[in-house]
N, C-alpha and C. Protein backbone atom coordinates (compact mmCIF):
# COMPACT_ATOMS: atom_id res chain seq x y z
N LYS A 1 -8.29 -65.70 37.35
CA LYS A 1 -9.45 -64.82 37.29
C LYS A 1 -9.43 -63.53 37.99
N GLY A 2 -8.18 -63.00 38.13
CA GLY A 2 -8.07 -61.82 38.81
C GLY A 2 -8.02 -61.86 40.31
N GLU A 3 -8.12 -62.96 40.80
CA GLU A 3 -8.02 -63.09 42.29
C GLU A 3 -6.72 -63.68 42.76
N ASP A 4 -6.53 -63.39 44.06
CA ASP A 4 -5.29 -63.94 44.74
C ASP A 4 -5.55 -65.51 45.00
N ASP A 5 -4.37 -66.23 44.81
CA ASP A 5 -4.59 -67.54 45.17
C ASP A 5 -3.18 -68.01 45.80
N ILE A 6 -3.20 -67.94 47.09
CA ILE A 6 -2.07 -67.96 47.88
C ILE A 6 -1.60 -69.46 48.03
N LYS A 7 -0.43 -69.70 47.80
CA LYS A 7 0.21 -71.08 47.84
C LYS A 7 1.14 -71.13 49.09
N ILE A 8 1.09 -72.22 49.84
CA ILE A 8 1.91 -72.31 51.06
C ILE A 8 3.00 -73.33 50.67
N ILE A 9 4.20 -72.93 50.95
CA ILE A 9 5.32 -73.83 50.85
C ILE A 9 5.79 -74.34 52.17
N ALA A 10 5.83 -75.51 52.34
CA ALA A 10 6.12 -76.21 53.71
C ALA A 10 7.19 -77.21 53.43
N MET A 11 7.98 -77.33 54.64
CA MET A 11 9.07 -78.39 54.68
C MET A 11 8.91 -79.13 55.90
N ASN A 12 9.33 -80.37 55.92
CA ASN A 12 9.33 -81.15 57.12
C ASN A 12 10.39 -80.52 58.05
N ALA A 13 9.96 -80.14 59.26
CA ALA A 13 10.96 -79.53 60.21
C ALA A 13 11.93 -80.50 60.75
N ASN A 14 11.80 -81.78 60.49
CA ASN A 14 12.63 -82.76 61.06
C ASN A 14 13.81 -83.26 60.05
N THR A 15 13.77 -82.59 58.86
CA THR A 15 14.72 -83.09 57.78
C THR A 15 16.03 -82.23 58.14
N PRO A 16 17.04 -82.98 58.28
CA PRO A 16 18.25 -82.25 58.87
C PRO A 16 18.70 -81.20 57.86
N THR A 17 18.66 -81.44 56.48
CA THR A 17 19.10 -80.37 55.60
C THR A 17 18.35 -79.04 55.64
N HIS A 18 17.18 -79.26 56.14
CA HIS A 18 16.38 -77.98 56.23
C HIS A 18 16.15 -77.24 57.51
N HIS A 19 17.02 -77.52 58.41
CA HIS A 19 16.95 -77.03 59.85
C HIS A 19 17.29 -75.46 59.89
N LYS A 20 17.80 -75.00 58.95
CA LYS A 20 18.18 -73.48 59.03
C LYS A 20 17.14 -72.64 58.13
N ILE A 21 16.15 -73.28 57.50
CA ILE A 21 15.13 -72.67 56.58
C ILE A 21 13.91 -72.21 57.38
N ASN A 22 13.73 -70.88 57.54
CA ASN A 22 12.60 -70.48 58.40
C ASN A 22 11.77 -69.48 57.51
N GLU A 23 12.28 -68.93 56.54
CA GLU A 23 11.67 -67.82 55.59
C GLU A 23 12.06 -68.09 54.19
N ILE A 24 11.29 -67.67 53.37
CA ILE A 24 11.44 -67.96 51.89
C ILE A 24 12.91 -67.38 51.47
N GLU A 25 13.28 -66.35 52.09
CA GLU A 25 14.59 -65.77 51.80
C GLU A 25 15.73 -66.78 52.19
N ASP A 26 15.49 -67.68 53.07
CA ASP A 26 16.47 -68.79 53.37
C ASP A 26 16.75 -69.83 52.29
N LEU A 27 15.70 -69.86 51.35
CA LEU A 27 16.09 -70.88 50.27
C LEU A 27 16.92 -70.23 49.21
N PRO A 28 17.56 -71.11 48.50
CA PRO A 28 18.41 -70.55 47.37
C PRO A 28 17.48 -69.79 46.29
N HIS A 29 18.01 -68.78 45.83
CA HIS A 29 17.24 -67.90 44.83
C HIS A 29 16.77 -68.74 43.70
N LEU A 30 17.52 -69.67 43.11
CA LEU A 30 17.22 -70.52 41.95
C LEU A 30 15.98 -71.46 42.36
N MET A 31 15.80 -71.84 43.69
CA MET A 31 14.75 -72.69 44.07
C MET A 31 13.61 -71.97 44.08
N VAL A 32 13.58 -70.73 44.69
CA VAL A 32 12.42 -69.90 44.59
C VAL A 32 11.92 -69.63 43.11
N GLU A 33 12.80 -69.39 42.24
CA GLU A 33 12.46 -69.17 40.88
C GLU A 33 11.84 -70.38 40.19
N GLU A 34 12.35 -71.63 40.54
CA GLU A 34 11.83 -72.79 40.08
C GLU A 34 10.37 -73.11 40.56
N ILE A 35 10.11 -72.66 41.87
CA ILE A 35 8.95 -72.88 42.44
C ILE A 35 7.80 -71.82 41.82
N LYS A 36 8.34 -70.68 41.51
CA LYS A 36 7.39 -69.84 40.79
C LYS A 36 7.05 -70.17 39.42
N HIS A 37 8.04 -70.65 38.72
CA HIS A 37 7.87 -71.26 37.28
C HIS A 37 6.87 -72.45 37.47
N PHE A 38 7.06 -73.33 38.42
CA PHE A 38 6.08 -74.50 38.60
C PHE A 38 4.63 -73.96 38.64
N PHE A 39 4.42 -72.91 39.44
CA PHE A 39 2.97 -72.54 39.69
C PHE A 39 2.50 -71.68 38.47
N ARG A 40 3.35 -71.15 37.79
CA ARG A 40 2.99 -70.47 36.41
C ARG A 40 2.59 -71.46 35.33
N MET A 41 3.35 -72.63 35.39
CA MET A 41 3.26 -73.60 34.28
C MET A 41 2.03 -74.52 34.52
N TYR A 42 1.71 -74.86 35.83
CA TYR A 42 0.69 -75.78 36.02
C TYR A 42 -0.75 -75.16 35.82
N LYS A 43 -0.74 -73.90 36.08
CA LYS A 43 -2.08 -73.13 35.76
C LYS A 43 -2.13 -73.00 34.37
N GLU A 44 -1.06 -72.71 33.55
CA GLU A 44 -1.09 -72.48 32.14
C GLU A 44 -1.69 -73.77 31.51
N LEU A 45 -1.34 -74.91 32.07
CA LEU A 45 -1.77 -76.15 31.60
C LEU A 45 -3.33 -76.30 31.74
N GLN A 46 -3.83 -75.66 32.69
CA GLN A 46 -5.15 -75.57 32.93
C GLN A 46 -6.02 -74.52 32.20
N GLY A 47 -5.18 -73.85 31.23
CA GLY A 47 -5.73 -72.74 30.56
C GLY A 47 -5.79 -71.39 31.17
N ALA A 48 -5.19 -71.13 32.11
CA ALA A 48 -5.09 -69.95 32.99
C ALA A 48 -3.67 -69.28 32.99
N LYS A 49 -3.79 -68.00 32.91
CA LYS A 49 -2.60 -67.21 32.98
C LYS A 49 -2.36 -66.72 34.43
N VAL A 50 -1.20 -66.89 34.89
CA VAL A 50 -0.76 -66.59 36.29
C VAL A 50 0.30 -65.68 36.34
N ASP A 51 0.16 -64.58 37.21
CA ASP A 51 1.35 -63.79 37.56
C ASP A 51 1.74 -64.05 39.08
N VAL A 52 2.83 -64.60 39.01
CA VAL A 52 3.55 -64.88 40.47
C VAL A 52 4.41 -63.67 40.76
N ASN A 53 3.82 -62.61 41.39
CA ASN A 53 4.52 -61.35 41.53
C ASN A 53 5.03 -60.94 42.95
N LYS A 54 4.76 -61.90 43.84
CA LYS A 54 5.35 -61.64 45.18
C LYS A 54 5.41 -63.00 46.11
N THR A 55 6.32 -62.90 47.06
CA THR A 55 6.27 -63.90 48.02
C THR A 55 5.97 -63.29 49.37
N LEU A 56 5.40 -64.12 50.26
CA LEU A 56 5.06 -63.51 51.58
C LEU A 56 6.02 -64.26 52.66
N SER A 57 6.00 -63.61 53.68
CA SER A 57 6.70 -64.11 54.88
C SER A 57 6.21 -65.29 55.42
N ARG A 58 6.80 -65.86 56.36
CA ARG A 58 6.30 -67.04 57.25
C ARG A 58 5.15 -66.49 58.07
N LYS A 59 5.37 -65.43 58.48
CA LYS A 59 4.22 -64.83 59.45
C LYS A 59 3.06 -64.57 58.68
N GLU A 60 3.04 -64.09 57.50
CA GLU A 60 1.93 -63.90 56.55
C GLU A 60 1.37 -65.28 56.04
N ALA A 61 2.27 -66.27 55.91
CA ALA A 61 1.81 -67.66 55.53
C ALA A 61 0.92 -68.23 56.69
N GLU A 62 1.46 -67.98 57.87
CA GLU A 62 0.75 -68.61 58.98
C GLU A 62 -0.61 -68.05 59.16
N LYS A 63 -0.61 -66.60 58.97
CA LYS A 63 -1.87 -65.84 58.93
C LYS A 63 -2.92 -66.38 57.99
N ALA A 64 -2.42 -66.69 56.83
CA ALA A 64 -3.38 -67.10 55.63
C ALA A 64 -3.78 -68.64 56.11
N ILE A 65 -2.99 -69.35 56.60
CA ILE A 65 -3.48 -70.71 57.06
C ILE A 65 -4.42 -70.64 58.03
N LEU A 66 -4.26 -69.80 59.13
CA LEU A 66 -5.36 -69.65 60.19
C LEU A 66 -6.76 -69.10 59.56
N GLN A 67 -6.55 -68.11 58.61
CA GLN A 67 -7.71 -67.65 57.91
C GLN A 67 -8.47 -68.84 57.11
N ALA A 68 -7.76 -69.60 56.39
CA ALA A 68 -8.43 -70.73 55.82
C ALA A 68 -8.94 -71.66 56.68
N ILE A 69 -8.39 -71.92 57.74
CA ILE A 69 -9.01 -72.88 58.78
C ILE A 69 -10.24 -72.28 59.29
N LYS A 70 -10.26 -71.08 59.55
CA LYS A 70 -11.54 -70.32 60.04
C LYS A 70 -12.55 -70.32 58.96
N MET A 71 -12.22 -70.02 57.70
CA MET A 71 -13.23 -70.08 56.53
C MET A 71 -13.81 -71.50 56.57
N TYR A 72 -12.99 -72.48 56.50
CA TYR A 72 -13.36 -73.91 56.46
C TYR A 72 -14.48 -74.25 57.57
N LYS A 73 -14.04 -73.94 58.73
CA LYS A 73 -14.91 -74.23 59.93
C LYS A 73 -16.33 -73.51 59.83
N GLU A 74 -16.27 -72.20 59.37
CA GLU A 74 -17.55 -71.44 59.12
C GLU A 74 -18.25 -72.15 58.15
N LYS A 75 -17.79 -72.72 56.88
CA LYS A 75 -18.37 -73.21 55.90
C LYS A 75 -19.12 -74.57 56.31
N LYS A 76 -18.31 -75.19 57.10
CA LYS A 76 -18.63 -76.59 57.55
C LYS A 76 -19.90 -76.56 58.41
N GLU A 77 -20.17 -75.47 59.11
CA GLU A 77 -21.15 -75.30 60.16
C GLU A 77 -22.49 -75.14 59.52
């Protein structure tokens, strides 16, 4: 609907194969493209068109999570 819809990609920090992944750039390029494709397709199945045109850093993701927590707490009150 013309609005941003941030998605967070998280991995279990204790998984041995993922110990060197801290940023989206640490993932294989093909995996990032598969993730983008997934988000395009699942929204298309809901009748929405989605543009996945950027990825954010870990720092930006953490900021988005904190903002979401703050909004949740404000709405809950």
